[in-house]
């Protein structure tokens, strides 16, 4: 029975670790996305960093990535940046892969 409990604990620990990595990768992706979007809008320096922070914070509005997508898309459109939904979603996917890669190297 102890072997079963040990195995159960190992699965629970792995699940918790995977969830933590998923959260960190999402937050890192949002920062990278914010910096990328800031560049598209012509923001630099502290303004770009502040915008990236606002993108990270927008992820807490609702579950999933849709809140981040809506915020960035609205901000890009407000600044007259011509971008399709598909291109922004593709960029989000690319940056998530980059964020995961960065975390694995740390």
C-alpha atoms as a PDB file:
ATOM      1  CA  UNK A   1       0.000   0.000   0.000  1.00  0.00           C
ATOM      2  CA  UNK A   2       2.896   2.350   0.726  1.00  0.00           C
ATOM      3  CA  UNK A   3       4.146   1.839  -2.825  1.00  0.00           C
ATOM      4  CA  UNK A   4       0.740   2.939  -4.151  1.00  0.00           C
ATOM      5  CA  UNK A   5       0.778   6.034  -1.914  1.00  0.00           C
ATOM      6  CA  UNK A   6       4.296   6.902  -3.099  1.00  0.00           C
ATOM      7  CA  UNK A   7       3.240   6.566  -6.712  1.00  0.00           C
ATOM      8  CA  UNK A   8       0.138   8.679  -6.114  1.00  0.00           C
ATOM      9  CA  UNK A   9       2.254  11.379  -4.447  1.00  0.00           C
ATOM     10  CA  UNK A  10       4.702  11.361  -7.376  1.00  0.00           C
ATOM     11  CA  UNK A  11       1.848  11.886  -9.858  1.00  0.00           C
ATOM     12  CA  UNK A  12       0.413  14.703  -7.739  1.00  0.00           C
ATOM     13  CA  UNK A  13       3.821  16.379  -7.511  1.00  0.00           C
ATOM     14  CA  UNK A  14       4.319  16.101 -11.274  1.00  0.00           C
ATOM     15  CA  UNK A  15       0.870  17.549 -11.912  1.00  0.00           C
ATOM     16  CA  UNK A  16       1.583  20.506  -9.621  1.00  0.00           C
ATOM     17  CA  UNK A  17       4.972  21.058 -11.260  1.00  0.00           C
ATOM     18  CA  UNK A  18       3.454  20.947 -14.756  1.00  0.00           C
ATOM     19  CA  UNK A  19       0.755  23.449 -13.777  1.00  0.00           C
ATOM     20  CA  UNK A  20       3.369  25.801 -12.327  1.00  0.00           C
ATOM     21  CA  UNK A  21       5.422  25.617 -15.529  1.00  0.00           C
ATOM     22  CA  UNK A  22       2.295  26.219 -17.597  1.00  0.00           C
ATOM     23  CA  UNK A  23       1.503  29.332 -15.545  1.00  0.00           C
ATOM     24  CA  UNK A  24       5.063  30.652 -15.796  1.00  0.00           C
ATOM     25  CA  UNK A  25       5.184  30.016 -19.553  1.00  0.00           C
ATOM     26  CA  UNK A  26       1.890  31.863 -20.014  1.00  0.00           C
ATOM     27  CA  UNK A  27       3.082  34.844 -18.001  1.00  0.00           C
ATOM     28  CA  UNK A  28       6.385  34.912 -19.874  1.00  0.00           C
ATOM     29  CA  UNK A  29       4.550  34.655 -23.196  1.00  0.00           C
ATOM     30  CA  UNK A  30       2.342  37.586 -22.206  1.00  0.00           C
ATOM     31  CA  UNK A  31       5.390  39.685 -21.361  1.00  0.00           C
ATOM     32  CA  UNK A  32       7.026  38.828 -24.686  1.00  0.00           C
ATOM     33  CA  UNK A  33       3.746  39.539 -26.475  1.00  0.00           C
ATOM     34  CA  UNK A  34       3.416  42.871 -24.703  1.00  0.00           C
ATOM     35  CA  UNK A  35       6.940  43.879 -25.691  1.00  0.00           C
ATOM     36  CA  UNK A  36       6.325  42.780 -29.282  1.00  0.00           C
ATOM     37  CA  UNK A  37       2.993  44.648 -29.469  1.00  0.00           C
ATOM     38  CA  UNK A  38       4.601  47.737 -27.911  1.00  0.00           C
ATOM     39  CA  UNK A  39       7.212  47.683 -30.650  1.00  0.00           C
ATOM     40  CA  UNK A  40       4.459  47.421 -33.285  1.00  0.00           C
ATOM     41  CA  UNK A  41       2.798  50.478 -31.738  1.00  0.00           C
ATOM     42  CA  UNK A  42       6.026  52.457 -31.592  1.00  0.00           C
ATOM     43  CA  UNK A  43       6.432  52.308 -27.815  1.00  0.00           C
ATOM     44  CA  UNK A  44       9.935  52.097 -26.360  1.00  0.00           C
ATOM     45  CA  UNK A  45      11.680  52.107 -22.995  1.00  0.00           C
ATOM     46  CA  UNK A  46       9.502  52.466 -19.915  1.00  0.00           C
ATOM     47  CA  UNK A  47       6.348  52.842 -22.012  1.00  0.00           C
ATOM     48  CA  UNK A  48       7.012  49.444 -23.624  1.00  0.00           C
ATOM     49  CA  UNK A  49       7.713  47.816 -20.250  1.00  0.00           C
ATOM     50  CA  UNK A  50       4.575  49.348 -18.770  1.00  0.00           C
ATOM     51  CA  UNK A  51       2.506  48.086 -21.688  1.00  0.00           C
ATOM     52  CA  UNK A  52       3.974  44.578 -21.309  1.00  0.00           C
ATOM     53  CA  UNK A  53       2.968  44.637 -17.634  1.00  0.00           C
ATOM     54  CA  UNK A  54      -0.581  45.624 -18.601  1.00  0.00           C
ATOM     55  CA  UNK A  55      -0.732  42.644 -20.973  1.00  0.00           C
ATOM     56  CA  UNK A  56       0.393  40.296 -18.186  1.00  0.00           C
ATOM     57  CA  UNK A  57      -2.267  41.740 -15.873  1.00  0.00           C
ATOM     58  CA  UNK A  58      -4.988  41.392 -18.515  1.00  0.00           C
ATOM     59  CA  UNK A  59      -4.618  37.608 -18.339  1.00  0.00           C
ATOM     60  CA  UNK A  60      -6.328  37.587 -14.945  1.00  0.00           C
ATOM     61  CA  UNK A  61      -9.626  38.945 -16.307  1.00  0.00           C
ATOM     62  CA  UNK A  62     -10.983  35.609 -17.577  1.00  0.00           C
ATOM     63  CA  UNK A  63      -9.861  32.035 -18.068  1.00  0.00           C
ATOM     64  CA  UNK A  64      -7.817  31.219 -21.142  1.00  0.00           C
ATOM     65  CA  UNK A  65      -5.983  33.445 -23.574  1.00  0.00           C
ATOM     66  CA  UNK A  66      -8.956  35.275 -25.051  1.00  0.00           C
ATOM     67  CA  UNK A  67      -8.668  38.203 -22.617  1.00  0.00           C
ATOM     68  CA  UNK A  68      -5.040  38.764 -23.640  1.00  0.00           C
ATOM     69  CA  UNK A  69      -5.900  38.435 -27.320  1.00  0.00           C
ATOM     70  CA  UNK A  70      -8.764  40.942 -27.047  1.00  0.00           C
ATOM     71  CA  UNK A  71      -6.652  43.503 -25.193  1.00  0.00           C
ATOM     72  CA  UNK A  72      -3.681  43.348 -27.551  1.00  0.00           C
ATOM     73  CA  UNK A  73      -5.864  43.326 -30.667  1.00  0.00           C
ATOM     74  CA  UNK A  74      -7.875  46.321 -29.456  1.00  0.00           C
ATOM     75  CA  UNK A  75      -4.711  48.242 -28.577  1.00  0.00           C
ATOM     76  CA  UNK A  76      -3.082  47.464 -31.931  1.00  0.00           C
ATOM     77  CA  UNK A  77      -6.207  48.532 -33.821  1.00  0.00           C
ATOM     78  CA  UNK A  78      -6.443  51.740 -31.748  1.00  0.00           C
ATOM     79  CA  UNK A  79      -2.906  52.583 -32.864  1.00  0.00           C
ATOM     80  CA  UNK A  80      -3.828  51.768 -36.484  1.00  0.00           C
ATOM     81  CA  UNK A  81      -1.547  48.718 -36.646  1.00  0.00           C
ATOM     82  CA  UNK A  82      -2.831  46.502 -39.455  1.00  0.00           C
ATOM     83  CA  UNK A  83      -2.862  42.919 -38.175  1.00  0.00           C
ATOM     84  CA  UNK A  84      -5.220  39.995 -38.695  1.00  0.00           C
ATOM     85  CA  UNK A  85      -6.658  37.836 -35.942  1.00  0.00           C
ATOM     86  CA  UNK A  86      -4.815  34.873 -37.431  1.00  0.00           C
ATOM     87  CA  UNK A  87      -1.443  36.650 -37.400  1.00  0.00           C
ATOM     88  CA  UNK A  88      -1.837  37.752 -33.776  1.00  0.00           C
ATOM     89  CA  UNK A  89      -2.888  34.268 -32.641  1.00  0.00           C
ATOM     90  CA  UNK A  90       0.034  32.763 -34.560  1.00  0.00           C
ATOM     91  CA  UNK A  91       2.408  35.228 -32.878  1.00  0.00           C
ATOM     92  CA  UNK A  92       0.956  34.271 -29.486  1.00  0.00           C
ATOM     93  CA  UNK A  93       1.619  30.595 -30.247  1.00  0.00           C
ATOM     94  CA  UNK A  94       5.184  31.339 -31.380  1.00  0.00           C
ATOM     95  CA  UNK A  95       5.892  33.355 -28.243  1.00  0.00           C
ATOM     96  CA  UNK A  96       4.454  30.612 -26.014  1.00  0.00           C
ATOM     97  CA  UNK A  97       6.890  28.149 -27.578  1.00  0.00           C
ATOM     98  CA  UNK A  98       9.706  30.658 -27.064  1.00  0.00           C
ATOM     99  CA  UNK A  99       8.670  31.204 -23.428  1.00  0.00           C
ATOM    100  CA  UNK A 100       8.663  27.443 -22.758  1.00  0.00           C
ATOM    101  CA  UNK A 101      12.088  27.123 -24.350  1.00  0.00           C
ATOM    102  CA  UNK A 102      13.440  29.942 -22.176  1.00  0.00           C
ATOM    103  CA  UNK A 103      12.058  28.308 -19.040  1.00  0.00           C
ATOM    104  CA  UNK A 104      13.614  24.957 -19.917  1.00  0.00           C
ATOM    105  CA  UNK A 105      17.017  26.626 -20.252  1.00  0.00           C
ATOM    106  CA  UNK A 106      16.764  28.209 -16.793  1.00  0.00           C
END
